[in-house]
C-alpha atoms as a PDB file:
ATOM      1  CA  UNK A   1      55.518 135.289  97.835  1.00  0.00           C
ATOM      2  CA  UNK A   2      57.099 131.877  98.453  1.00  0.00           C
ATOM      3  CA  UNK A   3      56.431 129.206  95.744  1.00  0.00           C
ATOM      4  CA  UNK A   4      56.762 125.517  96.983  1.00  0.00           C
ATOM      5  CA  UNK A   5      57.838 122.879  94.101  1.00  0.00           C
ATOM      6  CA  UNK A   6      56.857 119.390  95.234  1.00  0.00           C
ATOM      7  CA  UNK A   7      58.794 116.472  93.895  1.00  0.00           C
ATOM      8  CA  UNK A   8      58.412 112.905  93.703  1.00  0.00           C
ATOM      9  CA  UNK A   9      61.038 111.269  96.169  1.00  0.00           C
ATOM     10  CA  UNK A  10      63.326 108.552  95.594  1.00  0.00           C
ATOM     11  CA  UNK A  11      61.627 105.107  96.112  1.00  0.00           C
ATOM     12  CA  UNK A  12      63.805 104.125  99.217  1.00  0.00           C
ATOM     13  CA  UNK A  13      64.688 107.485 101.130  1.00  0.00           C
ATOM     14  CA  UNK A  14      61.999 110.262 101.175  1.00  0.00           C
ATOM     15  CA  UNK A  15      64.930 112.727 101.863  1.00  0.00           C
ATOM     16  CA  UNK A  16      66.532 112.400  98.322  1.00  0.00           C
ATOM     17  CA  UNK A  17      64.628 113.634  95.403  1.00  0.00           C
ATOM     18  CA  UNK A  18      64.034 111.018  92.838  1.00  0.00           C
ATOM     19  CA  UNK A  19      66.840 110.789  90.424  1.00  0.00           C
ATOM     20  CA  UNK A  20      65.138 111.733  87.233  1.00  0.00           C
ATOM     21  CA  UNK A  21      64.133 115.246  88.675  1.00  0.00           C
ATOM     22  CA  UNK A  22      67.541 115.900  90.620  1.00  0.00           C
ATOM     23  CA  UNK A  23      68.320 118.275  88.150  1.00  0.00           C
ATOM     24  CA  UNK A  24      65.329 120.418  88.046  1.00  0.00           C
ATOM     25  CA  UNK A  25      65.412 120.033  91.993  1.00  0.00           C
ATOM     26  CA  UNK A  26      68.924 121.584  91.973  1.00  0.00           C
ATOM     27  CA  UNK A  27      67.941 124.278  89.482  1.00  0.00           C
ATOM     28  CA  UNK A  28      64.892 125.046  91.637  1.00  0.00           C
ATOM     29  CA  UNK A  29      66.529 125.234  94.856  1.00  0.00           C
ATOM     30  CA  UNK A  30      69.137 128.173  93.493  1.00  0.00           C
ATOM     31  CA  UNK A  31      66.124 130.777  93.731  1.00  0.00           C
ATOM     32  CA  UNK A  32      65.060 132.113  97.326  1.00  0.00           C
ATOM     33  CA  UNK A  33      61.505 132.416  96.393  1.00  0.00           C
ATOM     34  CA  UNK A  34      60.956 128.389  95.861  1.00  0.00           C
ATOM     35  CA  UNK A  35      60.373 126.197  98.792  1.00  0.00           C
ATOM     36  CA  UNK A  36      61.707 122.863  97.485  1.00  0.00           C
ATOM     37  CA  UNK A  37      59.848 119.528  98.792  1.00  0.00           C
ATOM     38  CA  UNK A  38      59.370 116.008  98.358  1.00  0.00           C
ATOM     39  CA  UNK A  39      56.528 113.540  98.542  1.00  0.00           C
ATOM     40  CA  UNK A  40      56.215 109.409  99.124  1.00  0.00           C
ATOM     41  CA  UNK A  41      55.502 109.116  95.343  1.00  0.00           C
ATOM     42  CA  UNK A  42      55.459 105.410  94.579  1.00  0.00           C
ATOM     43  CA  UNK A  43      53.778 104.935  97.985  1.00  0.00           C
ATOM     44  CA  UNK A  44      51.103 107.582  97.709  1.00  0.00           C
ATOM     45  CA  UNK A  45      50.082 105.843  94.290  1.00  0.00           C
ATOM     46  CA  UNK A  46      49.277 102.880  95.895  1.00  0.00           C
ATOM     47  CA  UNK A  47      47.146 103.837  98.440  1.00  0.00           C
ATOM     48  CA  UNK A  48      49.327 104.419 101.344  1.00  0.00           C
ATOM     49  CA  UNK A  49      49.019 108.241 103.332  1.00  0.00           C
ATOM     50  CA  UNK A  50      50.703 111.180 102.024  1.00  0.00           C
ATOM     51  CA  UNK A  51      54.028 112.006 103.544  1.00  0.00           C
ATOM     52  CA  UNK A  52      55.881 115.256 103.053  1.00  0.00           C
ATOM     53  CA  UNK A  53      59.653 115.845 103.187  1.00  0.00           C
ATOM     54  CA  UNK A  54      60.505 118.326 105.398  1.00  0.00           C
ATOM     55  CA  UNK A  55      57.617 116.774 107.407  1.00  0.00           C
ATOM     56  CA  UNK A  56      57.170 119.935 108.802  1.00  0.00           C
ATOM     57  CA  UNK A  57      56.703 122.134 105.369  1.00  0.00           C
ATOM     58  CA  UNK A  58      53.670 123.768 105.260  1.00  0.00           C
ATOM     59  CA  UNK A  59      52.329 127.116 103.747  1.00  0.00           C
ATOM     60  CA  UNK A  60      50.150 129.731 104.318  1.00  0.00           C
ATOM     61  CA  UNK A  61      47.589 129.387 101.491  1.00  0.00           C
ATOM     62  CA  UNK A  62      50.686 129.404  99.506  1.00  0.00           C
ATOM     63  CA  UNK A  63      50.782 128.126  95.620  1.00  0.00           C
ATOM     64  CA  UNK A  64      52.320 124.858  95.005  1.00  0.00           C
ATOM     65  CA  UNK A  65      53.608 123.575  91.621  1.00  0.00           C
ATOM     66  CA  UNK A  66      54.187 119.669  91.464  1.00  0.00           C
ATOM     67  CA  UNK A  67      56.660 118.843  88.619  1.00  0.00           C
ATOM     68  CA  UNK A  68      56.705 114.621  89.018  1.00  0.00           C
ATOM     69  CA  UNK A  69      55.270 111.823  87.061  1.00  0.00           C
ATOM     70  CA  UNK A  70      51.965 111.559  85.591  1.00  0.00           C
ATOM     71  CA  UNK A  71      48.907 111.004  88.176  1.00  0.00           C
ATOM     72  CA  UNK A  72      45.713 109.534  87.225  1.00  0.00           C
ATOM     73  CA  UNK A  73      43.167 111.873  88.041  1.00  0.00           C
ATOM     74  CA  UNK A  74      41.612 110.477  91.444  1.00  0.00           C
ATOM     75  CA  UNK A  75      45.451 110.413  92.582  1.00  0.00           C
ATOM     76  CA  UNK A  76      45.909 114.017  91.477  1.00  0.00           C
ATOM     77  CA  UNK A  77      42.513 115.065  93.412  1.00  0.00           C
ATOM     78  CA  UNK A  78      43.825 113.361  96.622  1.00  0.00           C
ATOM     79  CA  UNK A  79      47.074 114.817  96.150  1.00  0.00           C
ATOM     80  CA  UNK A  80      45.513 118.327  95.848  1.00  0.00           C
ATOM     81  CA  UNK A  81      43.640 117.534  99.080  1.00  0.00           C
ATOM     82  CA  UNK A  82      46.737 116.590 100.927  1.00  0.00           C
ATOM     83  CA  UNK A  83      48.402 119.347 100.098  1.00  0.00           C
ATOM     84  CA  UNK A  84      45.337 121.470 101.207  1.00  0.00           C
ATOM     85  CA  UNK A  85      45.672 120.304 104.464  1.00  0.00           C
ATOM     86  CA  UNK A  86      49.222 121.281 104.616  1.00  0.00           C
ATOM     87  CA  UNK A  87      47.734 124.828 103.470  1.00  0.00           C
ATOM     88  CA  UNK A  88      49.777 124.484 100.112  1.00  0.00           C
ATOM     89  CA  UNK A  89      47.381 125.097  96.997  1.00  0.00           C
ATOM     90  CA  UNK A  90      48.427 123.444  93.644  1.00  0.00           C
ATOM     91  CA  UNK A  91      48.438 125.877  90.987  1.00  0.00           C
ATOM     92  CA  UNK A  92      46.007 123.518  89.166  1.00  0.00           C
ATOM     93  CA  UNK A  93      42.439 122.429  90.390  1.00  0.00           C
ATOM     94  CA  UNK A  94      41.650 118.493  89.694  1.00  0.00           C
ATOM     95  CA  UNK A  95      39.297 119.856  87.466  1.00  0.00           C
ATOM     96  CA  UNK A  96      41.979 122.090  85.662  1.00  0.00           C
ATOM     97  CA  UNK A  97      44.550 118.874  85.728  1.00  0.00           C
ATOM     98  CA  UNK A  98      41.987 116.984  83.705  1.00  0.00           C
ATOM     99  CA  UNK A  99      41.189 119.723  81.078  1.00  0.00           C
ATOM    100  CA  UNK A 100      44.638 119.504  79.442  1.00  0.00           C
ATOM    101  CA  UNK A 101      46.020 116.232  80.676  1.00  0.00           C
ATOM    102  CA  UNK A 102      43.020 114.424  78.890  1.00  0.00           C
ATOM    103  CA  UNK A 103      43.101 115.775  75.236  1.00  0.00           C
ATOM    104  CA  UNK A 104      39.389 114.978  74.651  1.00  0.00           C
ATOM    105  CA  UNK A 105      38.934 117.902  77.317  1.00  0.00           C
ATOM    106  CA  UNK A 106      41.020 120.219  75.740  1.00  0.00           C
ATOM    107  CA  UNK A 107      39.908 119.368  72.140  1.00  0.00           C
ATOM    108  CA  UNK A 108      36.965 121.403  71.755  1.00  0.00           C
ATOM    109  CA  UNK A 109      39.000 124.869  72.236  1.00  0.00           C
ATOM    110  CA  UNK A 110      41.763 123.548  69.853  1.00  0.00           C
ATOM    111  CA  UNK A 111      39.858 121.514  66.984  1.00  0.00           C
ATOM    112  CA  UNK A 112      40.831 124.232  64.322  1.00  0.00           C
ATOM    113  CA  UNK A 113      44.474 123.448  64.801  1.00  0.00           C
ATOM    114  CA  UNK A 114      44.713 120.009  65.424  1.00  0.00           C
ATOM    115  CA  UNK A 115      43.904 116.377  63.551  1.00  0.00           C
ATOM    116  CA  UNK A 116      40.239 115.471  64.273  1.00  0.00           C
ATOM    117  CA  UNK A 117      39.308 112.621  67.034  1.00  0.00           C
ATOM    118  CA  UNK A 118      36.718 110.474  67.763  1.00  0.00           C
ATOM    119  CA  UNK A 119      36.347 109.445  71.521  1.00  0.00           C
ATOM    120  CA  UNK A 120      34.472 106.070  73.076  1.00  0.00           C
ATOM    121  CA  UNK A 121      34.157 106.311  76.656  1.00  0.00           C
ATOM    122  CA  UNK A 122      35.183 103.059  78.839  1.00  0.00           C
ATOM    123  CA  UNK A 123      31.810 100.976  77.736  1.00  0.00           C
ATOM    124  CA  UNK A 124      30.993 102.631  74.618  1.00  0.00           C
ATOM    125  CA  UNK A 125      31.268 100.428  71.619  1.00  0.00           C
ATOM    126  CA  UNK A 126      33.318 101.972  69.029  1.00  0.00           C
ATOM    127  CA  UNK A 127      31.286 102.426  65.489  1.00  0.00           C
ATOM    128  CA  UNK A 128      34.297 101.270  63.185  1.00  0.00           C
ATOM    129  CA  UNK A 129      32.461 101.999  60.027  1.00  0.00           C
ATOM    130  CA  UNK A 130      31.598 105.732  61.343  1.00  0.00           C
ATOM    131  CA  UNK A 131      35.537 106.191  61.993  1.00  0.00           C
ATOM    132  CA  UNK A 132      36.792 104.943  58.941  1.00  0.00           C
ATOM    133  CA  UNK A 133      34.420 107.055  57.048  1.00  0.00           C
ATOM    134  CA  UNK A 134      35.834 110.078  59.012  1.00  0.00           C
ATOM    135  CA  UNK A 135      39.631 109.326  58.802  1.00  0.00           C
ATOM    136  CA  UNK A 136      41.205 107.597  55.915  1.00  0.00           C
ATOM    137  CA  UNK A 137      43.901 106.678  58.601  1.00  0.00           C
ATOM    138  CA  UNK A 138      43.749 107.054  62.215  1.00  0.00           C
ATOM    139  CA  UNK A 139      45.580 106.333  65.331  1.00  0.00           C
ATOM    140  CA  UNK A 140      44.867 104.682  68.686  1.00  0.00           C
ATOM    141  CA  UNK A 141      45.261 106.042  72.368  1.00  0.00           C
ATOM    142  CA  UNK A 142      43.363 106.487  75.415  1.00  0.00           C
ATOM    143  CA  UNK A 143      42.333 110.168  76.912  1.00  0.00           C
ATOM    144  CA  UNK A 144      45.895 110.283  77.769  1.00  0.00           C
ATOM    145  CA  UNK A 145      48.604 108.585  75.567  1.00  0.00           C
ATOM    146  CA  UNK A 146      49.380 106.120  72.903  1.00  0.00           C
ATOM    147  CA  UNK A 147      51.411 103.195  73.132  1.00  0.00           C
ATOM    148  CA  UNK A 148      54.250 104.935  70.756  1.00  0.00           C
ATOM    149  CA  UNK A 149      57.431 102.943  71.018  1.00  0.00           C
ATOM    150  CA  UNK A 150      55.656  99.750  70.881  1.00  0.00           C
ATOM    151  CA  UNK A 151      55.048  97.134  68.209  1.00  0.00           C
ATOM    152  CA  UNK A 152      51.450  98.518  68.264  1.00  0.00           C
ATOM    153  CA  UNK A 153      50.587  99.643  65.054  1.00  0.00           C
ATOM    154  CA  UNK A 154      50.950 103.297  64.520  1.00  0.00           C
ATOM    155  CA  UNK A 155      48.102 103.655  62.631  1.00  0.00           C
ATOM    156  CA  UNK A 156      45.098 101.624  60.679  1.00  0.00           C
ATOM    157  CA  UNK A 157      42.909 102.219  57.775  1.00  0.00           C
ATOM    158  CA  UNK A 158      40.180 100.671  55.901  1.00  0.00           C
ATOM    159  CA  UNK A 159      41.846  97.231  55.296  1.00  0.00           C
ATOM    160  CA  UNK A 160      41.297  95.771  59.030  1.00  0.00           C
ATOM    161  CA  UNK A 161      37.824  94.641  59.529  1.00  0.00           C
ATOM    162  CA  UNK A 162      35.915  95.785  62.664  1.00  0.00           C
ATOM    163  CA  UNK A 163      37.028  91.966  64.635  1.00  0.00           C
ATOM    164  CA  UNK A 164      40.604  93.059  63.843  1.00  0.00           C
ATOM    165  CA  UNK A 165      40.091  96.313  65.254  1.00  0.00           C
ATOM    166  CA  UNK A 166      38.270  95.322  68.628  1.00  0.00           C
ATOM    167  CA  UNK A 167      40.789  93.055  69.223  1.00  0.00           C
ATOM    168  CA  UNK A 168      43.736  96.062  68.695  1.00  0.00           C
ATOM    169  CA  UNK A 169      41.377  97.867  71.402  1.00  0.00           C
ATOM    170  CA  UNK A 170      41.448  95.140  73.933  1.00  0.00           C
ATOM    171  CA  UNK A 171      45.282  94.650  73.362  1.00  0.00           C
ATOM    172  CA  UNK A 172      45.646  98.541  73.307  1.00  0.00           C
ATOM    173  CA  UNK A 173      43.991  98.712  76.802  1.00  0.00           C
ATOM    174  CA  UNK A 174      46.127  95.712  78.259  1.00  0.00           C
ATOM    175  CA  UNK A 175      49.186  97.393  77.102  1.00  0.00           C
ATOM    176  CA  UNK A 176      48.170 100.779  79.067  1.00  0.00           C
ATOM    177  CA  UNK A 177      47.341  98.531  81.658  1.00  0.00           C
ATOM    178  CA  UNK A 178      46.750 100.505  85.458  1.00  0.00           C
ATOM    179  CA  UNK A 179      47.545 103.721  83.378  1.00  0.00           C
ATOM    180  CA  UNK A 180      44.497 103.191  81.070  1.00  0.00           C
ATOM    181  CA  UNK A 181      43.096 106.325  81.143  1.00  0.00           C
ATOM    182  CA  UNK A 182      38.781 106.564  80.771  1.00  0.00           C
ATOM    183  CA  UNK A 183      38.328 104.896  77.303  1.00  0.00           C
ATOM    184  CA  UNK A 184      39.515 104.801  73.640  1.00  0.00           C
ATOM    185  CA  UNK A 185      40.270 107.664  71.650  1.00  0.00           C
ATOM    186  CA  UNK A 186      41.029 107.367  67.672  1.00  0.00           C
ATOM    187  CA  UNK A 187      42.455 110.099  66.095  1.00  0.00           C
ATOM    188  CA  UNK A 188      43.173 111.373  62.344  1.00  0.00           C
ATOM    189  CA  UNK A 189      46.406 110.088  61.190  1.00  0.00           C
ATOM    190  CA  UNK A 190      48.598 112.832  59.572  1.00  0.00           C
ATOM    191  CA  UNK A 191      51.980 112.717  57.924  1.00  0.00           C
ATOM    192  CA  UNK A 192      54.808 114.155  59.909  1.00  0.00           C
ATOM    193  CA  UNK A 193      58.044 115.969  58.343  1.00  0.00           C
ATOM    194  CA  UNK A 194      60.567 113.525  58.661  1.00  0.00           C
ATOM    195  CA  UNK A 195      64.675 114.366  58.691  1.00  0.00           C
ATOM    196  CA  UNK A 196      67.237 111.793  59.377  1.00  0.00           C
ATOM    197  CA  UNK A 197      64.120 109.756  60.474  1.00  0.00           C
ATOM    198  CA  UNK A 198      63.293 112.614  63.443  1.00  0.00           C
ATOM    199  CA  UNK A 199      60.523 114.511  63.551  1.00  0.00           C
ATOM    200  CA  UNK A 200      60.347 118.211  64.023  1.00  0.00           C
ATOM    201  CA  UNK A 201      58.529 119.052  67.140  1.00  0.00           C
ATOM    202  CA  UNK A 202      58.213 122.010  69.831  1.00  0.00           C
ATOM    203  CA  UNK A 203      56.911 122.083  73.381  1.00  0.00           C
ATOM    204  CA  UNK A 204      55.243 125.176  74.410  1.00  0.00           C
ATOM    205  CA  UNK A 205      54.597 125.447  78.599  1.00  0.00           C
ATOM    206  CA  UNK A 206      52.161 128.184  79.311  1.00  0.00           C
ATOM    207  CA  UNK A 207      51.338 130.002  82.539  1.00  0.00           C
ATOM    208  CA  UNK A 208      48.230 131.551  83.280  1.00  0.00           C
ATOM    209  CA  UNK A 209      47.141 132.021  79.859  1.00  0.00           C
ATOM    210  CA  UNK A 210      50.859 133.532  78.764  1.00  0.00           C
ATOM    211  CA  UNK A 211      53.739 131.637  76.629  1.00  0.00           C
ATOM    212  CA  UNK A 212      56.394 130.885  79.831  1.00  0.00           C
ATOM    213  CA  UNK A 213      58.962 128.733  77.303  1.00  0.00           C
ATOM    214  CA  UNK A 214      59.279 127.207  73.846  1.00  0.00           C
ATOM    215  CA  UNK A 215      61.850 124.521  72.917  1.00  0.00           C
ATOM    216  CA  UNK A 216      62.771 122.034  70.397  1.00  0.00           C
ATOM    217  CA  UNK A 217      61.212 118.695  71.566  1.00  0.00           C
ATOM    218  CA  UNK A 218      62.330 115.752  69.397  1.00  0.00           C
ATOM    219  CA  UNK A 219      66.445 116.278  69.143  1.00  0.00           C
ATOM    220  CA  UNK A 220      65.836 118.126  65.866  1.00  0.00           C
ATOM    221  CA  UNK A 221      69.047 119.466  64.318  1.00  0.00           C
ATOM    222  CA  UNK A 222      69.784 123.246  64.476  1.00  0.00           C
ATOM    223  CA  UNK A 223      68.448 125.288  61.426  1.00  0.00           C
ATOM    224  CA  UNK A 224      65.588 123.267  61.051  1.00  0.00           C
ATOM    225  CA  UNK A 225      62.264 125.654  60.302  1.00  0.00           C
ATOM    226  CA  UNK A 226      60.961 126.515  63.813  1.00  0.00           C
ATOM    227  CA  UNK A 227      57.043 126.406  64.551  1.00  0.00           C
ATOM    228  CA  UNK A 228      55.454 130.093  63.926  1.00  0.00           C
ATOM    229  CA  UNK A 229      55.254 132.002  66.815  1.00  0.00           C
ATOM    230  CA  UNK A 230      52.090 133.451  65.449  1.00  0.00           C
ATOM    231  CA  UNK A 231      50.514 129.975  65.780  1.00  0.00           C
ATOM    232  CA  UNK A 232      52.095 129.497  69.202  1.00  0.00           C
ATOM    233  CA  UNK A 233      49.916 132.838  70.278  1.00  0.00           C
ATOM    234  CA  UNK A 234      46.844 132.165  68.253  1.00  0.00           C
ATOM    235  CA  UNK A 235      46.197 128.844  70.264  1.00  0.00           C
ATOM    236  CA  UNK A 236      43.284 129.947  72.409  1.00  0.00           C
ATOM    237  CA  UNK A 237      43.622 129.959  76.157  1.00  0.00           C
ATOM    238  CA  UNK A 238      43.009 126.363  77.579  1.00  0.00           C
ATOM    239  CA  UNK A 239      40.947 125.924  80.967  1.00  0.00           C
ATOM    240  CA  UNK A 240      44.177 125.627  83.106  1.00  0.00           C
ATOM    241  CA  UNK A 241      46.484 127.751  84.930  1.00  0.00           C
ATOM    242  CA  UNK A 242      50.014 126.059  84.048  1.00  0.00           C
ATOM    243  CA  UNK A 243      49.613 123.613  80.856  1.00  0.00           C
ATOM    244  CA  UNK A 244      51.406 122.553  77.549  1.00  0.00           C
ATOM    245  CA  UNK A 245      50.463 122.586  74.069  1.00  0.00           C
ATOM    246  CA  UNK A 246      53.020 120.414  71.736  1.00  0.00           C
ATOM    247  CA  UNK A 247      53.191 121.858  67.738  1.00  0.00           C
ATOM    248  CA  UNK A 248      55.075 119.209  64.927  1.00  0.00           C
ATOM    249  CA  UNK A 249      55.631 120.376  61.277  1.00  0.00           C
ATOM    250  CA  UNK A 250      53.606 118.149  58.745  1.00  0.00           C
ATOM    251  CA  UNK A 251      54.904 116.688  55.724  1.00  0.00           C
ATOM    252  CA  UNK A 252      53.788 119.535  53.601  1.00  0.00           C
ATOM    253  CA  UNK A 253      55.494 122.308  55.575  1.00  0.00           C
ATOM    254  CA  UNK A 254      52.228 123.452  57.944  1.00  0.00           C
ATOM    255  CA  UNK A 255      52.236 123.275  61.444  1.00  0.00           C
ATOM    256  CA  UNK A 256      50.015 121.621  63.924  1.00  0.00           C
ATOM    257  CA  UNK A 257      49.076 120.781  67.259  1.00  0.00           C
ATOM    258  CA  UNK A 258      49.567 117.209  68.379  1.00  0.00           C
ATOM    259  CA  UNK A 259      48.836 117.267  72.326  1.00  0.00           C
ATOM    260  CA  UNK A 260      48.251 119.095  75.336  1.00  0.00           C
ATOM    261  CA  UNK A 261      49.178 118.577  78.611  1.00  0.00           C
ATOM    262  CA  UNK A 262      49.088 119.463  82.508  1.00  0.00           C
ATOM    263  CA  UNK A 263      52.421 121.721  82.776  1.00  0.00           C
ATOM    264  CA  UNK A 264      52.972 119.917  86.151  1.00  0.00           C
ATOM    265  CA  UNK A 265      53.216 116.402  84.365  1.00  0.00           C
ATOM    266  CA  UNK A 266      54.827 117.142  81.251  1.00  0.00           C
ATOM    267  CA  UNK A 267      58.393 116.733  80.861  1.00  0.00           C
ATOM    268  CA  UNK A 268      60.991 119.416  79.809  1.00  0.00           C
ATOM    269  CA  UNK A 269      62.374 119.171  76.469  1.00  0.00           C
ATOM    270  CA  UNK A 270      65.363 117.702  75.717  1.00  0.00           C
ATOM    271  CA  UNK A 271      68.168 120.218  76.387  1.00  0.00           C
ATOM    272  CA  UNK A 272      65.889 122.668  77.544  1.00  0.00           C
ATOM    273  CA  UNK A 273      67.634 125.405  79.882  1.00  0.00           C
ATOM    274  CA  UNK A 274      66.326 124.015  83.327  1.00  0.00           C
ATOM    275  CA  UNK A 275      67.551 127.217  84.950  1.00  0.00           C
ATOM    276  CA  UNK A 276      65.830 129.415  82.750  1.00  0.00           C
ATOM    277  CA  UNK A 277      62.798 127.508  82.919  1.00  0.00           C
ATOM    278  CA  UNK A 278      62.453 128.081  86.318  1.00  0.00           C
ATOM    279  CA  UNK A 279      63.542 131.462  86.313  1.00  0.00           C
ATOM    280  CA  UNK A 280      60.432 132.439  84.053  1.00  0.00           C
ATOM    281  CA  UNK A 281      58.000 130.653  86.892  1.00  0.00           C
ATOM    282  CA  UNK A 282      59.576 132.725  89.772  1.00  0.00           C
ATOM    283  CA  UNK A 283      59.611 135.793  87.342  1.00  0.00           C
ATOM    284  CA  UNK A 284      55.965 135.483  86.059  1.00  0.00           C
ATOM    285  CA  UNK A 285      54.615 134.689  89.468  1.00  0.00           C
ATOM    286  CA  UNK A 286      56.733 136.688  92.060  1.00  0.00           C
ATOM    287  CA  UNK A 287      58.141 139.568  89.791  1.00  0.00           C
ATOM    288  CA  UNK A 288      60.088 141.650  91.883  1.00  0.00           C
ATOM    289  CA  UNK A 289      58.736 141.126  95.169  1.00  0.00           C
END
């Protein structure tokens, strides 16, 4: 069985892989089971026709895994169909992509393992009184991302009035811009354990419902506590073939799920062994074939 791995091409040259995915590409091509191909990511996202390199690359209803930048759901759906025309089938359908890429869709399955949320789709007014009653402190994001790493407040509490919170919601949407997805998600804020100002987080990749890899995800130092494997294995299987779950240590020493993601657009952890990542995919999907 051949597995096609699709990467975004360099903006100026479709024959070159995007620099941020060069290491992954170079490791993937070491395996004869993988066919590595490139596509015109930037132009395709802008609405232009799909282009593939090599142009003749195609499959025989072969499985395809995308490793690249996040895509809006409608763009992923277009990519799925463009590849189907070349007899290449992405490992996750558009619905499966959304199921883990958009946290509110994954939330019902993992509600027992993660802080609570309140979801307000685009156009639905936020009931700030209800949110403040539910959560002493809460953070703001859309269906996919927050604006972490900016001057936007990390969390809010009852000291903010409705007018201020409405203004922050508008500001949040403006900061996300074209990347804004579907609506506002308000998530219970929890204190993460910090050592030397760093959190202790792990990213797990799952393939076909089974753990693929588990790696430190916040540049934490050796010797720090490791997420309990019992928790990693206890998280319910999500409605997707290839996805990620992020875990973090809380201030009290317990652990929680903080995010889910589609495995195709989730980045590898810092210092993750890239060759091993692809070797695990090869073994799980191809075995001894």
